[in-house]
Amino acid sequence: MAKQKRSSAGTNIQNVKQQNAQSAQGQQNQYGTEFASETDAQQVRKQNQKAESKKQQNS
């Protein structure tokens, strides 16, 4: 059995790399789809348009 590489804190480096890889696989595009499903694009456009017109009126 080969000696496992450990960090200065005693962490099994290979184990951490494996866990990170598994975690990354399960979380791809998590935020993109999560926020997109809750956002009404038409409403955002209206709000942006209102804000822009107010900004121009105030300047």
PDB file of N, CA and C in Angstrom:
ATOM      1  N   MET A   1       0.845  -1.183   0.000  1.00  0.00           N
ATOM      2  CA  MET A   1       0.000   0.000   0.000  1.00  0.00           C
ATOM      3  C   MET A   1       0.888   1.243   0.000  1.00  0.00           C
ATOM      4  N   ALA A   2       0.657   2.122  -0.961  1.00  0.00           N
ATOM      5  CA  ALA A   2       1.469   3.332  -1.087  1.00  0.00           C
ATOM      6  C   ALA A   2       1.093   4.332  -0.006  1.00  0.00           C
ATOM      7  N   LYS A   3       2.082   5.097   0.403  1.00  0.00           N
ATOM      8  CA  LYS A   3       1.843   6.127   1.415  1.00  0.00           C
ATOM      9  C   LYS A   3       1.024   7.247   0.781  1.00  0.00           C
ATOM     10  N   GLN A   4      -0.036   7.652   1.442  1.00  0.00           N
ATOM     11  CA  GLN A   4      -0.900   8.698   0.911  1.00  0.00           C
ATOM     12  C   GLN A   4      -0.287  10.067   1.170  1.00  0.00           C
ATOM     13  N   LYS A   5      -0.419  10.956   0.171  1.00  0.00           N
ATOM     14  CA  LYS A   5       0.095  12.317   0.335  1.00  0.00           C
ATOM     15  C   LYS A   5      -0.855  13.085   1.242  1.00  0.00           C
ATOM     16  N   ARG A   6      -0.266  13.831   2.154  1.00  0.00           N
ATOM     17  CA  ARG A   6      -1.067  14.619   3.085  1.00  0.00           C
ATOM     18  C   ARG A   6      -0.553  16.051   3.111  1.00  0.00           C
ATOM     19  N   SER A   7      -1.466  16.972   3.336  1.00  0.00           N
ATOM     20  CA  SER A   7      -1.079  18.382   3.451  1.00  0.00           C
ATOM     21  C   SER A   7      -0.437  18.609   4.808  1.00  0.00           C
ATOM     22  N   SER A   8       0.039  19.825   5.034  1.00  0.00           N
ATOM     23  CA  SER A   8       0.665  20.135   6.319  1.00  0.00           C
ATOM     24  C   SER A   8      -0.337  20.019   7.468  1.00  0.00           C
ATOM     25  N   ALA A   9      -1.623  20.130   7.149  1.00  0.00           N
ATOM     26  CA  ALA A   9      -2.660  19.998   8.180  1.00  0.00           C
ATOM     27  C   ALA A   9      -3.076  18.544   8.369  1.00  0.00           C
ATOM     28  N   GLY A  10      -2.512  17.646   7.561  1.00  0.00           N
ATOM     29  CA  GLY A  10      -2.832  16.233   7.700  1.00  0.00           C
ATOM     30  C   GLY A  10      -3.996  15.774   6.834  1.00  0.00           C
ATOM     31  N   THR A  11      -4.395  16.596   5.884  1.00  0.00           N
ATOM     32  CA  THR A  11      -5.517  16.258   5.006  1.00  0.00           C
ATOM     33  C   THR A  11      -5.055  15.345   3.882  1.00  0.00           C
ATOM     34  N   ASN A  12      -5.853  14.334   3.578  1.00  0.00           N
ATOM     35  CA  ASN A  12      -5.559  13.431   2.470  1.00  0.00           C
ATOM     36  C   ASN A  12      -5.836  14.184   1.164  1.00  0.00           C
ATOM     37  N   ILE A  13      -4.787  14.571   0.458  1.00  0.00           N
ATOM     38  CA  ILE A  13      -4.900  15.420  -0.729  1.00  0.00           C
ATOM     39  C   ILE A  13      -5.700  14.733  -1.833  1.00  0.00           C
ATOM     40  N   GLN A  14      -5.426  13.472  -2.088  1.00  0.00           N
ATOM     41  CA  GLN A  14      -6.125  12.759  -3.161  1.00  0.00           C
ATOM     42  C   GLN A  14      -7.621  12.666  -2.866  1.00  0.00           C
ATOM     43  N   ASN A  15      -7.959  12.456  -1.620  1.00  0.00           N
ATOM     44  CA  ASN A  15      -9.362  12.366  -1.234  1.00  0.00           C
ATOM     45  C   ASN A  15     -10.075  13.701  -1.474  1.00  0.00           C
ATOM     46  N   VAL A  16      -9.424  14.794  -1.141  1.00  0.00           N
ATOM     47  CA  VAL A  16     -10.010  16.117  -1.341  1.00  0.00           C
ATOM     48  C   VAL A  16     -10.209  16.402  -2.829  1.00  0.00           C
ATOM     49  N   LYS A  17      -9.212  16.053  -3.650  1.00  0.00           N
ATOM     50  CA  LYS A  17      -9.334  16.256  -5.099  1.00  0.00           C
ATOM     51  C   LYS A  17     -10.519  15.473  -5.655  1.00  0.00           C
ATOM     52  N   GLN A  18     -10.694  14.256  -5.177  1.00  0.00           N
ATOM     53  CA  GLN A  18     -11.797  13.415  -5.646  1.00  0.00           C
ATOM     54  C   GLN A  18     -13.143  14.027  -5.233  1.00  0.00           C
ATOM     55  N   GLN A  19     -13.231  14.491  -4.010  1.00  0.00           N
ATOM     56  CA  GLN A  19     -14.473  15.106  -3.543  1.00  0.00           C
ATOM     57  C   GLN A  19     -14.783  16.385  -4.323  1.00  0.00           C
ATOM     58  N   ASN A  20     -13.763  17.172  -4.611  1.00  0.00           N
ATOM     59  CA  ASN A  20     -13.966  18.402  -5.385  1.00  0.00           C
ATOM     60  C   ASN A  20     -14.477  18.090  -6.788  1.00  0.00           C
ATOM     61  N   ALA A  21     -13.925  17.056  -7.406  1.00  0.00           N
ATOM     62  CA  ALA A  21     -14.347  16.674  -8.753  1.00  0.00           C
ATOM     63  C   ALA A  21     -15.805  16.221  -8.746  1.00  0.00           C
ATOM     64  N   GLN A  22     -16.183  15.441  -7.759  1.00  0.00           N
ATOM     65  CA  GLN A  22     -17.573  14.973  -7.666  1.00  0.00           C
ATOM     66  C   GLN A  22     -18.518  16.151  -7.422  1.00  0.00           C
ATOM     67  N   SER A  23     -18.105  17.061  -6.575  1.00  0.00           N
ATOM     68  CA  SER A  23     -18.925  18.219  -6.258  1.00  0.00           C
ATOM     69  C   SER A  23     -19.116  19.097  -7.493  1.00  0.00           C
ATOM     70  N   ALA A  24     -18.043  19.298  -8.244  1.00  0.00           N
ATOM     71  CA  ALA A  24     -18.112  20.142  -9.440  1.00  0.00           C
ATOM     72  C   ALA A  24     -19.041  19.529 -10.479  1.00  0.00           C
ATOM     73  N   GLN A  25     -19.045  18.216 -10.585  1.00  0.00           N
ATOM     74  CA  GLN A  25     -19.914  17.547 -11.550  1.00  0.00           C
ATOM     75  C   GLN A  25     -21.377  17.782 -11.220  1.00  0.00           C
ATOM     76  N   GLY A  26     -21.721  17.742  -9.963  1.00  0.00           N
ATOM     77  CA  GLY A  26     -23.115  17.871  -9.560  1.00  0.00           C
ATOM     78  C   GLY A  26     -23.624  19.289  -9.554  1.00  0.00           C
ATOM     79  N   GLN A  27     -22.746  20.272  -9.641  1.00  0.00           N
ATOM     80  CA  GLN A  27     -23.188  21.657  -9.497  1.00  0.00           C
ATOM     81  C   GLN A  27     -22.988  22.502 -10.743  1.00  0.00           C
ATOM     82  N   GLN A  28     -22.750  21.896 -11.869  1.00  0.00           N
ATOM     83  CA  GLN A  28     -22.569  22.690 -13.085  1.00  0.00           C
ATOM     84  C   GLN A  28     -23.855  23.437 -13.410  1.00  0.00           C
ATOM     85  N   ASN A  29     -23.721  24.703 -13.732  1.00  0.00           N
ATOM     86  CA  ASN A  29     -24.847  25.560 -14.117  1.00  0.00           C
ATOM     87  C   ASN A  29     -25.924  25.662 -13.061  1.00  0.00           C
ATOM     88  N   GLN A  30     -25.582  25.416 -11.829  1.00  0.00           N
ATOM     89  CA  GLN A  30     -26.577  25.468 -10.765  1.00  0.00           C
ATOM     90  C   GLN A  30     -27.198  26.852 -10.672  1.00  0.00           C
ATOM     91  N   TYR A  31     -26.353  27.883 -10.665  1.00  0.00           N
ATOM     92  CA  TYR A  31     -26.875  29.222 -10.467  1.00  0.00           C
ATOM     93  C   TYR A  31     -27.564  29.754 -11.716  1.00  0.00           C
ATOM     94  N   GLY A  32     -27.033  29.414 -12.873  1.00  0.00           N
ATOM     95  CA  GLY A  32     -27.640  29.898 -14.105  1.00  0.00           C
ATOM     96  C   GLY A  32     -29.095  29.506 -14.225  1.00  0.00           C
ATOM     97  N   THR A  33     -29.394  28.263 -13.959  1.00  0.00           N
ATOM     98  CA  THR A  33     -30.778  27.802 -14.089  1.00  0.00           C
ATOM     99  C   THR A  33     -31.613  28.214 -12.896  1.00  0.00           C
ATOM    100  N   GLU A  34     -31.014  28.256 -11.728  1.00  0.00           N
ATOM    101  CA  GLU A  34     -31.777  28.609 -10.528  1.00  0.00           C
ATOM    102  C   GLU A  34     -32.339  30.015 -10.634  1.00  0.00           C
ATOM    103  N   PHE A  35     -31.481  30.975 -11.008  1.00  0.00           N
ATOM    104  CA  PHE A  35     -31.947  32.355 -11.059  1.00  0.00           C
ATOM    105  C   PHE A  35     -32.766  32.627 -12.319  1.00  0.00           C
ATOM    106  N   ALA A  36     -32.442  31.972 -13.397  1.00  0.00           N
ATOM    107  CA  ALA A  36     -33.173  32.201 -14.635  1.00  0.00           C
ATOM    108  C   ALA A  36     -34.631  31.780 -14.479  1.00  0.00           C
ATOM    109  N   SER A  37     -34.889  30.726 -13.746  1.00  0.00           N
ATOM    110  CA  SER A  37     -36.260  30.249 -13.598  1.00  0.00           C
ATOM    111  C   SER A  37     -37.099  31.187 -12.752  1.00  0.00           C
ATOM    112  N   GLU A  38     -36.457  32.007 -11.919  1.00  0.00           N
ATOM    113  CA  GLU A  38     -37.191  32.913 -11.044  1.00  0.00           C
ATOM    114  C   GLU A  38     -37.270  34.332 -11.591  1.00  0.00           C
ATOM    115  N   THR A  39     -36.683  34.583 -12.743  1.00  0.00           N
ATOM    116  CA  THR A  39     -36.606  35.940 -13.272  1.00  0.00           C
ATOM    117  C   THR A  39     -37.567  36.111 -14.439  1.00  0.00           C
ATOM    118  N   ASP A  40     -38.371  37.160 -14.357  1.00  0.00           N
ATOM    119  CA  ASP A  40     -39.263  37.503 -15.453  1.00  0.00           C
ATOM    120  C   ASP A  40     -38.544  38.547 -16.310  1.00  0.00           C
ATOM    121  N   ALA A  41     -38.030  38.102 -17.441  1.00  0.00           N
ATOM    122  CA  ALA A  41     -37.192  38.969 -18.282  1.00  0.00           C
ATOM    123  C   ALA A  41     -37.947  40.214 -18.731  1.00  0.00           C
ATOM    124  N   GLN A  42     -39.218  40.074 -19.061  1.00  0.00           N
ATOM    125  CA  GLN A  42     -40.000  41.217 -19.528  1.00  0.00           C
ATOM    126  C   GLN A  42     -40.132  42.264 -18.421  1.00  0.00           C
ATOM    127  N   GLN A  43     -40.351  41.800 -17.204  1.00  0.00           N
ATOM    128  CA  GLN A  43     -40.469  42.713 -16.061  1.00  0.00           C
ATOM    129  C   GLN A  43     -39.152  43.453 -15.816  1.00  0.00           C
ATOM    130  N   VAL A  44     -38.046  42.749 -15.946  1.00  0.00           N
ATOM    131  CA  VAL A  44     -36.736  43.366 -15.756  1.00  0.00           C
ATOM    132  C   VAL A  44     -36.504  44.440 -16.809  1.00  0.00           C
ATOM    133  N   ARG A  45     -36.880  44.158 -18.048  1.00  0.00           N
ATOM    134  CA  ARG A  45     -36.714  45.153 -19.116  1.00  0.00           C
ATOM    135  C   ARG A  45     -37.522  46.413 -18.816  1.00  0.00           C
ATOM    136  N   LYS A  46     -38.759  46.231 -18.341  1.00  0.00           N
ATOM    137  CA  LYS A  46     -39.604  47.380 -17.996  1.00  0.00           C
ATOM    138  C   LYS A  46     -38.960  48.209 -16.888  1.00  0.00           C
ATOM    139  N   GLN A  47     -38.479  47.538 -15.863  1.00  0.00           N
ATOM    140  CA  GLN A  47     -37.840  48.245 -14.751  1.00  0.00           C
ATOM    141  C   GLN A  47     -36.601  49.000 -15.215  1.00  0.00           C
ATOM    142  N   ASN A  48     -35.818  48.372 -16.075  1.00  0.00           N
ATOM    143  CA  ASN A  48     -34.617  49.033 -16.599  1.00  0.00           C
ATOM    144  C   ASN A  48     -34.987  50.263 -17.418  1.00  0.00           C
ATOM    145  N   GLN A  49     -36.040  50.141 -18.204  1.00  0.00           N
ATOM    146  CA  GLN A  49     -36.482  51.254 -19.047  1.00  0.00           C
ATOM    147  C   GLN A  49     -36.952  52.419 -18.168  1.00  0.00           C
ATOM    148  N   LYS A  50     -37.711  52.101 -17.118  1.00  0.00           N
ATOM    149  CA  LYS A  50     -38.182  53.145 -16.191  1.00  0.00           C
ATOM    150  C   LYS A  50     -37.003  53.838 -15.525  1.00  0.00           C
ATOM    151  N   ALA A  51     -36.056  53.058 -15.057  1.00  0.00           N
ATOM    152  CA  ALA A  51     -34.898  53.622 -14.373  1.00  0.00           C
ATOM    153  C   ALA A  51     -34.098  54.515 -15.313  1.00  0.00           C
ATOM    154  N   GLU A  52     -33.962  54.094 -16.553  1.00  0.00           N
ATOM    155  CA  GLU A  52     -33.202  54.875 -17.531  1.00  0.00           C
ATOM    156  C   GLU A  52     -33.904  56.196 -17.823  1.00  0.00           C
ATOM    157  N   SER A  53     -35.219  56.164 -17.972  1.00  0.00           N
ATOM    158  CA  SER A  53     -35.938  57.406 -18.266  1.00  0.00           C
ATOM    159  C   SER A  53     -35.903  58.352 -17.068  1.00  0.00           C
ATOM    160  N   LYS A  54     -35.989  57.817 -15.837  1.00  0.00           N
ATOM    161  CA  LYS A  54     -35.875  58.662 -14.649  1.00  0.00           C
ATOM    162  C   LYS A  54     -34.494  59.295 -14.560  1.00  0.00           C
ATOM    163  N   LYS A  55     -33.481  58.509 -14.895  1.00  0.00           N
ATOM    164  CA  LYS A  55     -32.112  59.012 -14.840  1.00  0.00           C
ATOM    165  C   LYS A  55     -31.937  60.177 -15.819  1.00  0.00           C
ATOM    166  N   GLN A  56     -32.532  60.053 -17.001  1.00  0.00           N
ATOM    167  CA  GLN A  56     -32.393  61.110 -18.002  1.00  0.00           C
ATOM    168  C   GLN A  56     -33.190  62.349 -17.610  1.00  0.00           C
ATOM    169  N   GLN A  57     -34.335  62.163 -16.944  1.00  0.00           N
ATOM    170  CA  GLN A  57     -35.130  63.306 -16.488  1.00  0.00           C
ATOM    171  C   GLN A  57     -34.392  64.087 -15.408  1.00  0.00           C
ATOM    172  N   ASN A  58     -33.678  63.372 -14.552  1.00  0.00           N
ATOM    173  CA  ASN A  58     -32.989  64.021 -13.433  1.00  0.00           C
ATOM    174  C   ASN A  58     -31.678  64.684 -13.839  1.00  0.00           C
ATOM    175  N   SER A  59     -31.187  64.412 -15.009  1.00  0.00           N
ATOM    176  CA  SER A  59     -29.897  65.004 -15.387  1.00  0.00           C
ATOM    177  C   SER A  59     -30.061  66.215 -16.277  1.00  0.00           C
TER     178      SER A  59
END
